[in-house]
Amino acid sequence: WTWNSYVQSLGRNSRLLNVVDASGVSRSQNGLYAYGTPFWGDCCITRSYDVRYDVNAPYVALTFDSGKFSIDGSLRYDMGNARGSYSGTAIAQNLDVNGDGVIQPVEQRVATVDTANARPVDYDWNYLSYSFGSNYLINDDLGAFARISRGARANADRLLFGVIRDDGSVSSDEGVNVVRQAEAGLKWRRDGLSLFATAFSARTEEQNYEVTSQRFFNRSYQAHGIELEASYRYEGFTLNGGLTWTDAEISKDQITPENTGNVPRRQADVVWQLTPSYRGDGYQFGVNLIGTTDAYTQDSNQLKIPGYTQV
């Protein structure tokens, strides 16, 4: 992972630019003005990974169907390990990158991989995932369903450069992010009309890294809401639509506690879609509309993105 910095013109026929200082010395080569990103303080822009991830996951699933009533369940147990090393950034002075025997201004400060101080990766993880659901046919037009599930994700390279301990280990909370979800609803269908309604509740953990802000996340989220779907068909005409209402919040933020209780970024209260269409002999046309209410741009909840409709 290596970044360089260039100067380039904007607009039509864009091109790389060479920059000359007041004394007439060129500070760039064919647009390249730095091996690295001095604009970001050369932080976190040259990295090397040499890590192997091995996963074994036995899985079992069972289904029972008695006509009007059915139930299913599945279990999966993940066992994994990570072994290897990783290296960050080192700044080299006067490095002849192109090997021409001359140190150009752009080569006076070069971001390189700090292989002399490679750090170990040595940790294991394991977790159980499950999903249990059922369906019940109330009558020929109406059915009910419910499901409860638990899953997880083992974090990989997002743990490096901040969460890995000096000996290469990680805590169990940081190594695995867990998602728990429950949902229940009704499905109704008669002739060309279908109506579905689902209530849901979810709890999510996130251990992540954001390159743009150079910050780690260690958070928990919770959300509940209702999802509505409808479909109507009559001869060549079809109308599909849906609406989801979500009440979500950051339930815990271990790195930035003041975000606790805020709404997660880019999470709108309501999103919806509507698609009418018509199919004739040899042709079809339709319109698709997607809409959302406003949402916060950041987890601090200080600025909002206005709601919009896309056609």
C-alpha atoms as a PDB file:
ATOM      1  CA  TRP A   1       0.000   0.000   0.000  1.00  0.00           C
ATOM      2  CA  THR A   2       1.953   3.010  -1.289  1.00  0.00           C
ATOM      3  CA  TRP A   3       0.679   6.477  -2.150  1.00  0.00           C
ATOM      4  CA  ASN A   4       2.344   9.196  -4.201  1.00  0.00           C
ATOM      5  CA  SER A   5       1.337  12.836  -4.710  1.00  0.00           C
ATOM      6  CA  TYR A   6       0.880  14.585  -8.054  1.00  0.00           C
ATOM      7  CA  VAL A   7       0.028  18.052  -9.359  1.00  0.00           C
ATOM      8  CA  GLN A   8      -2.542  18.011 -12.144  1.00  0.00           C
ATOM      9  CA  SER A   9      -4.587  20.609 -13.967  1.00  0.00           C
ATOM     10  CA  LEU A  10      -8.383  20.543 -13.879  1.00  0.00           C
ATOM     11  CA  GLY A  11     -10.789  20.729 -16.770  1.00  0.00           C
ATOM     12  CA  ARG A  12     -10.791  19.376 -20.296  1.00  0.00           C
ATOM     13  CA  ASN A  13      -7.481  17.920 -21.537  1.00  0.00           C
ATOM     14  CA  SER A  14      -6.194  17.638 -17.977  1.00  0.00           C
ATOM     15  CA  ARG A  15      -2.457  17.067 -17.684  1.00  0.00           C
ATOM     16  CA  LEU A  16       0.266  16.554 -15.099  1.00  0.00           C
ATOM     17  CA  LEU A  17       2.158  19.722 -14.154  1.00  0.00           C
ATOM     18  CA  ASN A  18       5.740  20.423 -13.168  1.00  0.00           C
ATOM     19  CA  VAL A  19       6.202  22.943 -10.358  1.00  0.00           C
ATOM     20  CA  VAL A  20       9.193  25.315 -10.373  1.00  0.00           C
ATOM     21  CA  ASP A  21      10.237  27.303  -7.300  1.00  0.00           C
ATOM     22  CA  ALA A  22      11.342  30.965  -7.254  1.00  0.00           C
ATOM     23  CA  SER A  23      14.952  30.018  -7.957  1.00  0.00           C
ATOM     24  CA  GLY A  24      13.989  28.051 -11.061  1.00  0.00           C
ATOM     25  CA  VAL A  25      14.485  24.595  -9.550  1.00  0.00           C
ATOM     26  CA  SER A  26      11.889  22.004 -10.545  1.00  0.00           C
ATOM     27  CA  ARG A  27      10.106  20.630  -7.479  1.00  0.00           C
ATOM     28  CA  SER A  28       8.338  17.813  -9.346  1.00  0.00           C
ATOM     29  CA  GLN A  29       8.940  15.246 -12.060  1.00  0.00           C
ATOM     30  CA  ASN A  30       6.205  14.724 -14.636  1.00  0.00           C
ATOM     31  CA  GLY A  31       3.680  15.920 -12.090  1.00  0.00           C
ATOM     32  CA  LEU A  32       5.050  13.832  -9.205  1.00  0.00           C
ATOM     33  CA  TYR A  33       5.942  16.145  -6.323  1.00  0.00           C
ATOM     34  CA  ALA A  34       6.242  13.624  -3.459  1.00  0.00           C
ATOM     35  CA  TYR A  35       6.806   9.940  -2.823  1.00  0.00           C
ATOM     36  CA  GLY A  36       4.194   9.900  -0.087  1.00  0.00           C
ATOM     37  CA  THR A  37       1.503  12.339   1.034  1.00  0.00           C
ATOM     38  CA  PRO A  38       3.051  15.308   2.865  1.00  0.00           C
ATOM     39  CA  PHE A  39      -0.347  17.039   2.672  1.00  0.00           C
ATOM     40  CA  TRP A  40      -1.534  14.426   5.225  1.00  0.00           C
ATOM     41  CA  GLY A  41       1.690  14.562   7.206  1.00  0.00           C
ATOM     42  CA  ASP A  42       2.873  11.302   5.595  1.00  0.00           C
ATOM     43  CA  CYS A  43       0.674   9.443   8.080  1.00  0.00           C
ATOM     44  CA  CYS A  44      -0.514   5.905   7.405  1.00  0.00           C
ATOM     45  CA  ILE A  45       0.083   5.971   3.668  1.00  0.00           C
ATOM     46  CA  THR A  46       2.844   3.386   3.198  1.00  0.00           C
ATOM     47  CA  ARG A  47       2.003  -0.022   4.585  1.00  0.00           C
ATOM     48  CA  SER A  48       2.936  -3.649   4.070  1.00  0.00           C
ATOM     49  CA  TYR A  49       0.856  -6.716   4.990  1.00  0.00           C
ATOM     50  CA  ASP A  50       2.083 -10.299   5.168  1.00  0.00           C
ATOM     51  CA  VAL A  51      -0.715 -12.073   7.016  1.00  0.00           C
ATOM     52  CA  ARG A  52      -2.388 -15.448   6.509  1.00  0.00           C
ATOM     53  CA  TYR A  53      -5.970 -16.028   7.650  1.00  0.00           C
ATOM     54  CA  ASP A  54      -7.261 -19.601   8.039  1.00  0.00           C
ATOM     55  CA  VAL A  55     -10.923 -20.370   8.767  1.00  0.00           C
ATOM     56  CA  ASN A  56     -12.793 -23.614   9.433  1.00  0.00           C
ATOM     57  CA  ALA A  57     -16.575 -23.448   9.851  1.00  0.00           C
ATOM     58  CA  PRO A  58     -18.714 -26.586  10.305  1.00  0.00           C
ATOM     59  CA  TYR A  59     -22.382 -25.977   9.496  1.00  0.00           C
ATOM     60  CA  VAL A  60     -25.636 -27.859  10.064  1.00  0.00           C
ATOM     61  CA  ALA A  61     -29.220 -27.048   9.026  1.00  0.00           C
ATOM     62  CA  LEU A  62     -32.565 -28.743   9.700  1.00  0.00           C
ATOM     63  CA  THR A  63     -36.079 -28.122   8.356  1.00  0.00           C
ATOM     64  CA  PHE A  64     -39.464 -29.431   9.505  1.00  0.00           C
ATOM     65  CA  ASP A  65     -42.641 -28.987   7.448  1.00  0.00           C
ATOM     66  CA  SER A  66     -46.102 -30.136   8.508  1.00  0.00           C
ATOM     67  CA  GLY A  67     -48.212 -28.436   5.865  1.00  0.00           C
ATOM     68  CA  LYS A  68     -49.442 -25.173   7.330  1.00  0.00           C
ATOM     69  CA  PHE A  69     -46.524 -24.912   9.746  1.00  0.00           C
ATOM     70  CA  SER A  70     -42.810 -25.083   9.036  1.00  0.00           C
ATOM     71  CA  ILE A  71     -39.720 -24.427  11.093  1.00  0.00           C
ATOM     72  CA  ASP A  72     -36.049 -24.312  10.192  1.00  0.00           C
ATOM     73  CA  GLY A  73     -32.818 -23.839  12.040  1.00  0.00           C
ATOM     74  CA  SER A  74     -29.115 -23.722  11.350  1.00  0.00           C
ATOM     75  CA  LEU A  75     -25.890 -23.559  13.335  1.00  0.00           C
ATOM     76  CA  ARG A  76     -22.405 -22.594  12.224  1.00  0.00           C
ATOM     77  CA  TYR A  77     -19.238 -22.479  14.320  1.00  0.00           C
ATOM     78  CA  ASP A  78     -16.331 -20.436  12.957  1.00  0.00           C
ATOM     79  CA  MET A  79     -12.781 -21.148  14.083  1.00  0.00           C
ATOM     80  CA  GLY A  80      -9.937 -19.106  12.684  1.00  0.00           C
ATOM     81  CA  ASN A  81      -6.452 -17.790  13.202  1.00  0.00           C
ATOM     82  CA  ALA A  82      -4.260 -15.023  11.832  1.00  0.00           C
ATOM     83  CA  ARG A  83      -0.484 -15.303  11.563  1.00  0.00           C
ATOM     84  CA  GLY A  84       2.045 -12.965  10.002  1.00  0.00           C
ATOM     85  CA  SER A  85       3.399  -9.451  10.260  1.00  0.00           C
ATOM     86  CA  TYR A  86       2.776  -5.897   9.104  1.00  0.00           C
ATOM     87  CA  SER A  87       4.872  -2.754   8.693  1.00  0.00           C
ATOM     88  CA  GLY A  88       4.088   0.933   8.699  1.00  0.00           C
ATOM     89  CA  THR A  89       5.715   4.061   7.305  1.00  0.00           C
ATOM     90  CA  ALA A  90       9.342   5.147   7.518  1.00  0.00           C
ATOM     91  CA  ILE A  91      10.688   8.391   6.036  1.00  0.00           C
ATOM     92  CA  ALA A  92      13.954   8.067   4.113  1.00  0.00           C
ATOM     93  CA  GLN A  93      16.104  11.112   3.359  1.00  0.00           C
ATOM     94  CA  ASN A  94      17.841  11.424  -0.012  1.00  0.00           C
ATOM     95  CA  LEU A  95      16.705   8.146  -1.573  1.00  0.00           C
ATOM     96  CA  ASP A  96      17.543   7.664  -5.267  1.00  0.00           C
ATOM     97  CA  VAL A  97      14.205   6.126  -6.264  1.00  0.00           C
ATOM     98  CA  ASN A  98      14.764   5.997 -10.037  1.00  0.00           C
ATOM     99  CA  GLY A  99      18.399   4.924  -9.716  1.00  0.00           C
ATOM    100  CA  ASP A 100      19.842   7.627 -11.976  1.00  0.00           C
ATOM    101  CA  GLY A 101      22.567   8.518  -9.488  1.00  0.00           C
ATOM    102  CA  VAL A 102      21.132  11.991  -8.814  1.00  0.00           C
ATOM    103  CA  ILE A 103      18.998  13.023  -5.835  1.00  0.00           C
ATOM    104  CA  GLN A 104      16.203  15.134  -7.279  1.00  0.00           C
ATOM    105  CA  PRO A 105      14.135  17.456  -5.044  1.00  0.00           C
ATOM    106  CA  VAL A 106      11.259  14.961  -5.115  1.00  0.00           C
ATOM    107  CA  GLU A 107      13.650  12.276  -3.776  1.00  0.00           C
ATOM    108  CA  GLN A 108      14.896  14.250  -0.782  1.00  0.00           C
ATOM    109  CA  ARG A 109      12.108  12.902   1.442  1.00  0.00           C
ATOM    110  CA  VAL A 110      10.564   9.540   0.531  1.00  0.00           C
ATOM    111  CA  ALA A 111       7.923   7.520   2.379  1.00  0.00           C
ATOM    112  CA  THR A 112       9.011   3.869   2.508  1.00  0.00           C
ATOM    113  CA  VAL A 113       7.897   0.688   4.270  1.00  0.00           C
ATOM    114  CA  ASP A 114       9.442   0.369   7.727  1.00  0.00           C
ATOM    115  CA  THR A 115      10.526  -3.272   7.330  1.00  0.00           C
ATOM    116  CA  ALA A 116      13.085  -2.913  10.123  1.00  0.00           C
ATOM    117  CA  ASN A 117      10.263  -2.573  12.656  1.00  0.00           C
ATOM    118  CA  ALA A 118       7.731  -5.131  11.422  1.00  0.00           C
ATOM    119  CA  ARG A 119       5.134  -6.067  14.033  1.00  0.00           C
ATOM    120  CA  PRO A 120       3.654  -9.536  14.588  1.00  0.00           C
ATOM    121  CA  VAL A 121       0.100 -10.768  13.988  1.00  0.00           C
ATOM    122  CA  ASP A 122      -0.767 -13.815  16.100  1.00  0.00           C
ATOM    123  CA  TYR A 123      -4.350 -14.325  17.268  1.00  0.00           C
ATOM    124  CA  ASP A 124      -7.233 -16.797  17.128  1.00  0.00           C
ATOM    125  CA  TRP A 125     -11.002 -16.395  17.125  1.00  0.00           C
ATOM    126  CA  ASN A 126     -14.136 -18.483  17.313  1.00  0.00           C
ATOM    127  CA  TYR A 127     -17.835 -17.723  17.418  1.00  0.00           C
ATOM    128  CA  LEU A 128     -21.236 -19.351  17.023  1.00  0.00           C
ATOM    129  CA  SER A 129     -23.814 -18.229  14.461  1.00  0.00           C
ATOM    130  CA  TYR A 130     -27.405 -19.406  14.379  1.00  0.00           C
ATOM    131  CA  SER A 131     -30.708 -18.758  12.647  1.00  0.00           C
ATOM    132  CA  PHE A 132     -34.139 -20.108  13.634  1.00  0.00           C
ATOM    133  CA  GLY A 133     -37.332 -19.278  11.793  1.00  0.00           C
ATOM    134  CA  SER A 134     -40.889 -20.407  11.309  1.00  0.00           C
ATOM    135  CA  ASN A 135     -43.790 -19.868   8.918  1.00  0.00           C
ATOM    136  CA  TYR A 136     -47.490 -20.414   9.566  1.00  0.00           C
ATOM    137  CA  LEU A 137     -50.207 -20.400   6.920  1.00  0.00           C
ATOM    138  CA  ILE A 138     -53.225 -18.786   8.608  1.00  0.00           C
ATOM    139  CA  ASN A 139     -55.418 -19.214   5.522  1.00  0.00           C
ATOM    140  CA  ASP A 140     -54.997 -19.391   1.760  1.00  0.00           C
ATOM    141  CA  ASP A 141     -54.285 -15.643   1.551  1.00  0.00           C
ATOM    142  CA  LEU A 142     -52.496 -14.875   4.825  1.00  0.00           C
ATOM    143  CA  GLY A 143     -49.304 -16.163   6.395  1.00  0.00           C
ATOM    144  CA  ALA A 144     -47.159 -15.229   9.382  1.00  0.00           C
ATOM    145  CA  PHE A 145     -43.431 -15.613   9.871  1.00  0.00           C
ATOM    146  CA  ALA A 146     -40.748 -14.972  12.481  1.00  0.00           C
ATOM    147  CA  ARG A 147     -36.986 -15.363  12.697  1.00  0.00           C
ATOM    148  CA  ILE A 148     -34.219 -14.829  15.217  1.00  0.00           C
ATOM    149  CA  SER A 149     -30.572 -14.940  14.230  1.00  0.00           C
ATOM    150  CA  ARG A 150     -27.050 -14.248  15.378  1.00  0.00           C
ATOM    151  CA  GLY A 151     -24.050 -13.818  13.131  1.00  0.00           C
ATOM    152  CA  ALA A 152     -20.601 -12.305  13.266  1.00  0.00           C
ATOM    153  CA  ARG A 153     -17.631 -11.116  11.266  1.00  0.00           C
ATOM    154  CA  ALA A 154     -14.009 -11.735  12.155  1.00  0.00           C
ATOM    155  CA  ASN A 155     -12.062  -8.537  11.558  1.00  0.00           C
ATOM    156  CA  ALA A 156      -8.923  -8.788   9.464  1.00  0.00           C
ATOM    157  CA  ASP A 157      -6.647  -5.985   8.190  1.00  0.00           C
ATOM    158  CA  ARG A 158      -8.866  -3.293   9.768  1.00  0.00           C
ATOM    159  CA  LEU A 159      -7.418  -4.319  13.151  1.00  0.00           C
ATOM    160  CA  LEU A 160      -3.835  -3.590  12.147  1.00  0.00           C
ATOM    161  CA  PHE A 161      -2.047  -0.313  12.904  1.00  0.00           C
ATOM    162  CA  GLY A 162      -3.896   0.446  16.120  1.00  0.00           C
ATOM    163  CA  VAL A 163      -5.730  -2.470  17.736  1.00  0.00           C
ATOM    164  CA  ILE A 164      -3.174  -5.292  17.533  1.00  0.00           C
ATOM    165  CA  ARG A 165      -1.183  -5.620  20.770  1.00  0.00           C
ATOM    166  CA  ASP A 166       2.619  -5.663  20.805  1.00  0.00           C
ATOM    167  CA  ASP A 167       2.651  -9.472  20.940  1.00  0.00           C
ATOM    168  CA  GLY A 168       0.276  -9.737  17.956  1.00  0.00           C
ATOM    169  CA  SER A 169      -2.850 -10.643  19.933  1.00  0.00           C
ATOM    170  CA  VAL A 170      -6.228  -8.879  20.088  1.00  0.00           C
ATOM    171  CA  SER A 171      -9.062  -8.927  22.595  1.00  0.00           C
ATOM    172  CA  SER A 172     -12.062 -11.124  21.793  1.00  0.00           C
ATOM    173  CA  ASP A 173     -14.365  -8.080  21.674  1.00  0.00           C
ATOM    174  CA  GLU A 174     -12.227  -6.391  19.033  1.00  0.00           C
ATOM    175  CA  GLY A 175     -11.481  -9.503  17.002  1.00  0.00           C
ATOM    176  CA  VAL A 176     -15.111 -10.364  16.265  1.00  0.00           C
ATOM    177  CA  ASN A 177     -18.141  -8.127  15.596  1.00  0.00           C
ATOM    178  CA  VAL A 178     -21.521  -9.686  16.371  1.00  0.00           C
ATOM    179  CA  VAL A 179     -24.936  -8.961  14.810  1.00  0.00           C
ATOM    180  CA  ARG A 180     -28.168 -10.036  16.522  1.00  0.00           C
ATOM    181  CA  GLN A 181     -31.490  -9.676  14.749  1.00  0.00           C
ATOM    182  CA  ALA A 182     -35.126 -10.608  15.255  1.00  0.00           C
ATOM    183  CA  GLU A 183     -38.021 -10.093  12.872  1.00  0.00           C
ATOM    184  CA  ALA A 184     -41.670 -11.023  12.549  1.00  0.00           C
ATOM    185  CA  GLY A 185     -44.348 -10.196  10.027  1.00  0.00           C
ATOM    186  CA  LEU A 186     -47.342 -10.992   7.882  1.00  0.00           C
ATOM    187  CA  LYS A 187     -47.741 -11.777   4.183  1.00  0.00           C
ATOM    188  CA  TRP A 188     -51.076 -11.335   2.424  1.00  0.00           C
ATOM    189  CA  ARG A 189     -51.786 -12.113  -1.219  1.00  0.00           C
ATOM    190  CA  ARG A 190     -55.022 -12.241  -3.236  1.00  0.00           C
ATOM    191  CA  ASP A 191     -55.449 -12.150  -6.988  1.00  0.00           C
ATOM    192  CA  GLY A 192     -52.957  -9.547  -8.237  1.00  0.00           C
ATOM    193  CA  LEU A 193     -52.391  -7.759  -4.927  1.00  0.00           C
ATOM    194  CA  SER A 194     -49.639  -8.611  -2.408  1.00  0.00           C
ATOM    195  CA  LEU A 195     -48.962  -6.873   0.920  1.00  0.00           C
ATOM    196  CA  PHE A 196     -46.056  -7.660   3.245  1.00  0.00           C
ATOM    197  CA  ALA A 197     -45.257  -6.131   6.654  1.00  0.00           C
ATOM    198  CA  THR A 198     -42.169  -6.892   8.744  1.00  0.00           C
ATOM    199  CA  ALA A 199     -41.131  -5.573  12.156  1.00  0.00           C
ATOM    200  CA  PHE A 200     -37.429  -5.895  12.953  1.00  0.00           C
ATOM    201  CA  SER A 201     -34.914  -5.250  15.705  1.00  0.00           C
ATOM    202  CA  ALA A 202     -31.136  -5.461  15.372  1.00  0.00           C
ATOM    203  CA  ARG A 203     -28.009  -4.945  17.459  1.00  0.00           C
ATOM    204  CA  THR A 204     -24.690  -4.548  15.676  1.00  0.00           C
ATOM    205  CA  GLU A 205     -21.066  -4.238  16.775  1.00  0.00           C
ATOM    206  CA  GLU A 206     -18.468  -2.496  14.613  1.00  0.00           C
ATOM    207  CA  GLN A 207     -14.699  -2.383  14.934  1.00  0.00           C
ATOM    208  CA  ASN A 208     -13.398  -0.494  11.912  1.00  0.00           C
ATOM    209  CA  TYR A 209     -10.945   2.046  10.546  1.00  0.00           C
ATOM    210  CA  GLU A 210     -11.708   5.161   8.489  1.00  0.00           C
ATOM    211  CA  VAL A 211      -8.889   6.201   6.167  1.00  0.00           C
ATOM    212  CA  THR A 212     -10.139   9.741   5.503  1.00  0.00           C
ATOM    213  CA  SER A 213     -10.191  10.730   9.187  1.00  0.00           C
ATOM    214  CA  GLN A 214      -7.385   8.344  10.272  1.00  0.00           C
ATOM    215  CA  ARG A 215      -9.564   7.118  13.144  1.00  0.00           C
ATOM    216  CA  PHE A 216     -10.625   3.769  14.567  1.00  0.00           C
ATOM    217  CA  PHE A 217     -14.237   2.880  15.410  1.00  0.00           C
ATOM    218  CA  ASN A 218     -15.294   0.674  18.309  1.00  0.00           C
ATOM    219  CA  ARG A 219     -19.064   0.949  18.499  1.00  0.00           C
ATOM    220  CA  SER A 220     -22.358  -0.781  19.075  1.00  0.00           C
ATOM    221  CA  TYR A 221     -25.574   0.141  17.269  1.00  0.00           C
ATOM    222  CA  GLN A 222     -29.188  -0.742  17.838  1.00  0.00           C
ATOM    223  CA  ALA A 223     -32.113  -0.272  15.492  1.00  0.00           C
ATOM    224  CA  HIS A 224     -35.730  -1.240  15.180  1.00  0.00           C
ATOM    225  CA  GLY A 225     -38.312  -0.473  12.567  1.00  0.00           C
ATOM    226  CA  ILE A 226     -40.989  -1.588  10.153  1.00  0.00           C
ATOM    227  CA  GLU A 227     -40.687  -2.563   6.508  1.00  0.00           C
ATOM    228  CA  LEU A 228     -43.716  -2.434   4.200  1.00  0.00           C
ATOM    229  CA  GLU A 229     -43.848  -3.914   0.705  1.00  0.00           C
ATOM    230  CA  ALA A 230     -46.675  -3.986  -1.821  1.00  0.00           C
ATOM    231  CA  SER A 231     -47.206  -5.250  -5.346  1.00  0.00           C
ATOM    232  CA  TYR A 232     -50.180  -4.973  -7.694  1.00  0.00           C
ATOM    233  CA  ARG A 233     -50.537  -6.603 -11.104  1.00  0.00           C
ATOM    234  CA  TYR A 234     -53.375  -6.190 -13.584  1.00  0.00           C
ATOM    235  CA  GLU A 235     -52.967  -7.432 -17.125  1.00  0.00           C
ATOM    236  CA  GLY A 236     -49.898  -5.564 -18.451  1.00  0.00           C
ATOM    237  CA  PHE A 237     -49.708  -3.079 -15.575  1.00  0.00           C
ATOM    238  CA  THR A 238     -47.478  -3.641 -12.531  1.00  0.00           C
ATOM    239  CA  LEU A 239     -46.934  -1.456  -9.485  1.00  0.00           C
ATOM    240  CA  ASN A 240     -44.236  -2.311  -6.922  1.00  0.00           C
ATOM    241  CA  GLY A 241     -43.452  -0.239  -3.860  1.00  0.00           C
ATOM    242  CA  GLY A 242     -41.858  -0.331  -0.457  1.00  0.00           C
ATOM    243  CA  LEU A 243     -41.178   1.810   2.594  1.00  0.00           C
ATOM    244  CA  THR A 244     -38.866   1.249   5.554  1.00  0.00           C
ATOM    245  CA  TRP A 245     -38.960   3.201   8.803  1.00  0.00           C
ATOM    246  CA  THR A 246     -35.889   2.827  11.013  1.00  0.00           C
ATOM    247  CA  ASP A 247     -35.177   4.155  14.492  1.00  0.00           C
ATOM    248  CA  ALA A 248     -31.428   3.698  14.969  1.00  0.00           C
ATOM    249  CA  GLU A 249     -28.858   4.969  17.437  1.00  0.00           C
ATOM    250  CA  ILE A 250     -25.254   4.518  18.492  1.00  0.00           C
ATOM    251  CA  SER A 251     -25.794   2.595  21.711  1.00  0.00           C
ATOM    252  CA  LYS A 252     -22.130   2.620  22.765  1.00  0.00           C
ATOM    253  CA  ASP A 253     -18.974   4.315  21.514  1.00  0.00           C
ATOM    254  CA  GLN A 254     -15.842   3.326  23.400  1.00  0.00           C
ATOM    255  CA  ILE A 255     -13.517   5.734  21.583  1.00  0.00           C
ATOM    256  CA  THR A 256     -15.820   8.773  21.298  1.00  0.00           C
ATOM    257  CA  PRO A 257     -18.364   8.419  24.150  1.00  0.00           C
ATOM    258  CA  GLU A 258     -20.087  11.705  23.285  1.00  0.00           C
ATOM    259  CA  ASN A 259     -21.522  10.010  20.180  1.00  0.00           C
ATOM    260  CA  THR A 260     -23.522   7.591  22.333  1.00  0.00           C
ATOM    261  CA  GLY A 261     -27.230   8.112  21.738  1.00  0.00           C
ATOM    262  CA  ASN A 262     -26.725   9.844  18.383  1.00  0.00           C
ATOM    263  CA  VAL A 263     -28.143   8.664  15.073  1.00  0.00           C
ATOM    264  CA  PRO A 264     -25.598   6.832  12.870  1.00  0.00           C
ATOM    265  CA  ARG A 265     -24.385   8.817   9.877  1.00  0.00           C
ATOM    266  CA  ARG A 266     -26.349   8.538   6.634  1.00  0.00           C
ATOM    267  CA  GLN A 267     -29.150   6.638   8.376  1.00  0.00           C
ATOM    268  CA  ALA A 268     -32.462   8.160   7.294  1.00  0.00           C
ATOM    269  CA  ASP A 269     -35.663   7.625   9.246  1.00  0.00           C
ATOM    270  CA  VAL A 270     -37.582   6.679   6.105  1.00  0.00           C
ATOM    271  CA  VAL A 271     -36.521   5.320   2.717  1.00  0.00           C
ATOM    272  CA  TRP A 272     -38.981   4.321   0.013  1.00  0.00           C
ATOM    273  CA  GLN A 273     -39.249   3.185  -3.590  1.00  0.00           C
ATOM    274  CA  LEU A 274     -42.062   3.039  -6.148  1.00  0.00           C
ATOM    275  CA  THR A 275     -41.971   1.447  -9.606  1.00  0.00           C
ATOM    276  CA  PRO A 276     -44.974   1.485 -11.958  1.00  0.00           C
ATOM    277  CA  SER A 277     -44.494  -0.247 -15.302  1.00  0.00           C
ATOM    278  CA  TYR A 278     -46.461  -1.504 -18.279  1.00  0.00           C
ATOM    279  CA  ARG A 279     -45.685  -4.374 -20.627  1.00  0.00           C
ATOM    280  CA  GLY A 280     -47.299  -4.487 -24.049  1.00  0.00           C
ATOM    281  CA  ASP A 281     -46.784  -6.540 -27.176  1.00  0.00           C
ATOM    282  CA  GLY A 282     -43.089  -6.187 -27.897  1.00  0.00           C
ATOM    283  CA  TYR A 283     -42.435  -3.239 -25.568  1.00  0.00           C
ATOM    284  CA  GLN A 284     -42.202  -2.289 -21.910  1.00  0.00           C
ATOM    285  CA  PHE A 285     -41.782   1.014 -20.102  1.00  0.00           C
ATOM    286  CA  GLY A 286     -41.849   2.217 -16.524  1.00  0.00           C
ATOM    287  CA  VAL A 287     -40.653   4.732 -13.965  1.00  0.00           C
ATOM    288  CA  ASN A 288     -38.561   4.094 -10.867  1.00  0.00           C
ATOM    289  CA  LEU A 289     -38.645   6.500  -7.921  1.00  0.00           C
ATOM    290  CA  ILE A 290     -36.383   6.203  -4.880  1.00  0.00           C
ATOM    291  CA  GLY A 291     -36.695   8.585  -1.946  1.00  0.00           C
ATOM    292  CA  THR A 292     -35.216   9.220   1.479  1.00  0.00           C
ATOM    293  CA  THR A 293     -35.730  11.657   4.316  1.00  0.00           C
ATOM    294  CA  ASP A 294     -32.817  13.723   5.624  1.00  0.00           C
ATOM    295  CA  ALA A 295     -29.863  12.114   7.411  1.00  0.00           C
ATOM    296  CA  TYR A 296     -26.841  13.258   9.394  1.00  0.00           C
ATOM    297  CA  THR A 297     -23.515  13.483   7.580  1.00  0.00           C
ATOM    298  CA  GLN A 298     -21.449  12.563  10.640  1.00  0.00           C
ATOM    299  CA  ASP A 299     -21.964  10.685  13.881  1.00  0.00           C
ATOM    300  CA  SER A 300     -21.699  13.939  15.851  1.00  0.00           C
ATOM    301  CA  ASN A 301     -25.143  14.856  14.388  1.00  0.00           C
ATOM    302  CA  GLN A 302     -24.228  18.470  13.591  1.00  0.00           C
ATOM    303  CA  LEU A 303     -24.957  18.609   9.856  1.00  0.00           C
ATOM    304  CA  LYS A 304     -27.726  17.022   7.798  1.00  0.00           C
ATOM    305  CA  ILE A 305     -28.014  15.840   4.212  1.00  0.00           C
ATOM    306  CA  PRO A 306     -31.430  16.969   2.896  1.00  0.00           C
ATOM    307  CA  GLY A 307     -33.906  14.327   1.839  1.00  0.00           C
ATOM    308  CA  TYR A 308     -34.264  13.702  -1.884  1.00  0.00           C
ATOM    309  CA  THR A 309     -36.154  11.776  -4.535  1.00  0.00           C
ATOM    310  CA  GLN A 310     -34.415  10.137  -7.471  1.00  0.00           C
ATOM    311  CA  VAL A 311     -36.372   9.446 -10.660  1.00  0.00           C
END
